[in-house]
Protein backbone atom coordinates (compact mmCIF):
# COMPACT_ATOMS: atom_id res chain seq x y z
CA MET A 1 14.08 18.48 4.99
CA ILE A 2 16.79 15.84 5.19
CA ALA A 3 14.63 13.45 7.15
CA THR A 4 11.86 13.77 4.43
CA ILE A 5 14.49 13.03 1.62
CA GLY A 6 15.78 10.07 3.63
CA ALA A 7 11.97 8.62 3.94
CA ILE A 8 11.60 9.19 0.67
CA ALA A 9 14.61 7.01 -0.21
CA LEU A 10 13.47 4.51 1.99
CA ILE A 11 10.34 4.20 0.30
CA VAL A 12 11.96 3.88 -3.15
CA SER A 13 14.30 1.10 -1.71
CA ALA A 14 11.56 -0.80 -0.12
CA ALA A 15 9.43 -0.70 -3.29
CA VAL A 16 12.57 -2.22 -5.31
CA ILE A 17 13.11 -4.83 -2.45
CA LEU A 18 9.34 -6.08 -2.28
CA PHE A 19 8.84 -6.00 -6.16
CA ASN A 20 11.51 -8.20 -6.69
CA ALA A 21 10.81 -10.25 -3.64
CA THR A 22 7.48 -11.15 -4.68
CA TYR A 23 7.24 -10.67 -8.54
CA ARG A 24 7.91 -14.10 -10.91
CA ALA A 25 6.43 -14.93 -13.92
CA ASP A 26 5.00 -17.92 -12.61
CA TYR A 27 3.19 -16.28 -10.14
CA ASP A 28 0.08 -18.63 -9.52
CA GLU A 29 2.31 -21.54 -9.10
CA ILE A 30 4.29 -20.24 -5.89
CA GLN A 31 3.13 -22.58 -2.93
CA VAL A 32 3.83 -21.02 0.47
CA ASP A 33 3.20 -23.18 3.63
CA GLY A 34 2.37 -20.94 6.71
CA PRO A 35 -0.55 -20.27 9.32
CA GLU A 36 -4.18 -19.59 8.07
CA PRO A 37 -4.62 -15.98 7.81
CA LYS A 38 -7.15 -15.91 10.85
CA ASP A 39 -4.49 -17.31 12.78
CA ILE A 40 -1.80 -14.57 12.16
CA VAL A 41 -1.86 -11.94 15.31
CA SER A 42 -0.27 -8.43 14.47
CA GLU A 43 1.36 -6.35 16.93
CA PHE A 44 -1.06 -3.32 15.24
CA ASP A 45 -4.17 -5.53 14.81
CA VAL A 46 -3.91 -5.12 11.14
CA PRO A 47 -6.94 -7.08 9.72
CA VAL A 48 -4.88 -9.65 7.64
CA GLN A 49 -8.12 -11.58 6.44
CA VAL A 50 -9.05 -8.76 3.86
CA PHE A 51 -6.19 -10.20 1.33
CA THR A 52 -8.12 -13.46 1.54
CA SER A 53 -11.50 -11.71 0.75
CA GLY A 54 -10.57 -11.56 -3.07
CA LYS A 55 -11.24 -7.60 -3.31
CA ILE A 56 -7.43 -6.43 -2.99
CA GLU A 57 -5.72 -8.49 -5.71
CA ARG A 58 -2.06 -8.90 -5.45
CA PRO A 59 -1.17 -6.67 -2.58
CA THR A 60 2.48 -4.92 -2.86
CA ALA A 61 2.55 -2.62 0.07
CA MET A 62 1.15 -1.43 3.26
CA ALA A 63 1.27 1.55 5.28
CA LEU A 64 -0.85 2.87 8.42
CA ASP A 65 -2.02 6.44 9.01
CA PRO A 66 -1.86 7.82 12.44
CA ASN A 67 -5.68 7.04 13.14
CA GLY A 68 -5.08 3.26 12.45
CA ARG A 69 -6.16 3.00 8.93
CA LEU A 70 -4.53 0.53 7.09
CA TYR A 71 -3.64 1.64 3.34
CA VAL A 72 -2.85 -1.41 0.63
CA ALA A 73 -1.38 -1.13 -2.65
CA SER A 74 -2.70 -3.56 -5.20
CA PHE A 75 -0.72 -4.54 -8.21
CA ALA A 76 -3.31 -4.12 -10.54
CA GLY A 77 -3.05 -0.18 -9.75
CA ALA A 78 -5.25 0.69 -6.91
CA ILE A 79 -4.67 1.71 -3.03
CA TRP A 80 -7.41 0.54 -0.69
CA ALA A 81 -8.50 2.11 2.83
CA VAL A 82 -9.06 -0.59 5.38
CA ASP A 83 -10.70 0.15 8.40
CA ASP A 84 -11.43 -1.75 11.60
CA ILE A 85 -14.24 0.52 13.16
CA ASP A 86 -15.44 -1.97 16.42
CA ALA A 87 -11.77 -2.83 16.68
CA ASP A 88 -12.20 -6.49 16.63
CA GLY A 89 -9.40 -7.37 14.38
CA ARG A 90 -11.45 -7.74 10.97
CA ALA A 91 -11.64 -5.29 8.24
CA ASP A 92 -15.34 -3.60 8.53
CA VAL A 93 -14.77 -1.42 5.64
CA VAL A 94 -12.50 -1.86 2.57
CA ALA A 95 -12.92 1.41 0.21
CA GLU A 96 -11.01 2.40 -2.77
CA PHE A 97 -8.76 5.35 -1.72
CA ALA A 98 -6.64 5.98 -5.15
CA ARG A 99 -6.97 4.25 -8.63
CA ASP A 100 -5.29 4.67 -11.74
CA LEU A 101 -1.76 4.20 -10.59
CA HIS A 102 0.94 2.40 -12.38
CA GLN A 103 1.94 -0.61 -10.57
CA PRO A 104 1.94 0.96 -6.66
CA GLU A 105 4.51 -0.76 -4.93
CA GLY A 106 5.82 1.35 -2.03
CA LEU A 107 3.60 3.20 0.69
CA LEU A 108 4.49 5.65 3.33
CA TRP A 109 2.25 7.80 5.29
CA LEU A 110 3.87 10.98 6.13
CA ASN A 111 2.88 14.52 7.17
CA GLY A 112 -0.92 14.18 6.31
CA GLY A 113 -0.55 12.37 3.06
CA LEU A 114 0.39 9.01 1.82
CA TYR A 115 3.67 8.84 -0.61
CA VAL A 116 3.49 6.32 -3.14
CA THR A 117 6.16 4.77 -5.38
CA ALA A 118 4.47 3.84 -8.61
CA TYR A 119 6.53 2.44 -11.37
CA ASP A 120 8.68 5.46 -12.16
CA LYS A 121 7.11 8.09 -10.19
CA LEU A 122 7.17 8.99 -6.39
CA LEU A 123 3.45 10.60 -5.61
CA LEU A 124 1.81 12.32 -2.86
CA LEU A 125 -1.82 11.62 -2.50
CA LYS A 126 -3.92 13.36 0.02
CA ASP A 127 -7.65 13.36 0.84
CA THR A 128 -8.35 16.91 1.41
CA ASN A 129 -12.13 16.99 1.89
CA GLY A 130 -12.11 14.20 4.10
CA ASP A 131 -14.39 11.86 2.10
CA GLY A 132 -11.98 9.15 2.34
CA VAL A 133 -10.78 9.16 -1.40
CA ALA A 134 -7.25 10.95 -2.64
CA ASP A 135 -8.52 13.94 -4.54
CA THR A 136 -5.17 15.37 -4.71
CA ARG A 137 -2.15 13.87 -6.68
CA GLU A 138 1.08 15.45 -6.82
CA VAL A 139 4.28 14.18 -8.61
CA ILE A 140 7.25 14.50 -6.27
CA LEU A 141 9.63 12.61 -8.74
CA ASP A 142 9.54 11.60 -12.08
CA GLY A 143 11.53 9.78 -14.46
CA MET A 144 12.96 6.92 -11.92
CA PRO A 145 14.60 3.75 -13.47
CA GLY A 146 11.34 1.52 -14.42
CA GLU A 147 11.08 -1.22 -17.11
CA LYS A 148 10.91 -0.31 -20.96
């Protein structure tokens, strides 16, 4: 139980840090120098080029499940499941896992589900029927500090 509470606290802290580090009123004017996405190599073979495809807008957080599926939260209110089926380092499938979330900013895969910090809530999303879409949404914590 203590480990679960610690993991949840870590998600909330990471979400706040990530939001404060990435959100700017002049978001479209930020310039970042760095390698091309195709040149980035990840320890876990995370398919980085998915962010340049335009399908996932303004990614805010990522988490891997035990099978290597990458979940990516979008500030627009969706979570995408990204699969590299042939293990070539490129996303073969990018599918919507959940939608209608309010600013999801933190993700953690734990105990068979995806914990999500979304604005003023901590949610647990699960795909119970194996279709790749979250079909349960449990509010774990409500009323966290948020913008008014």
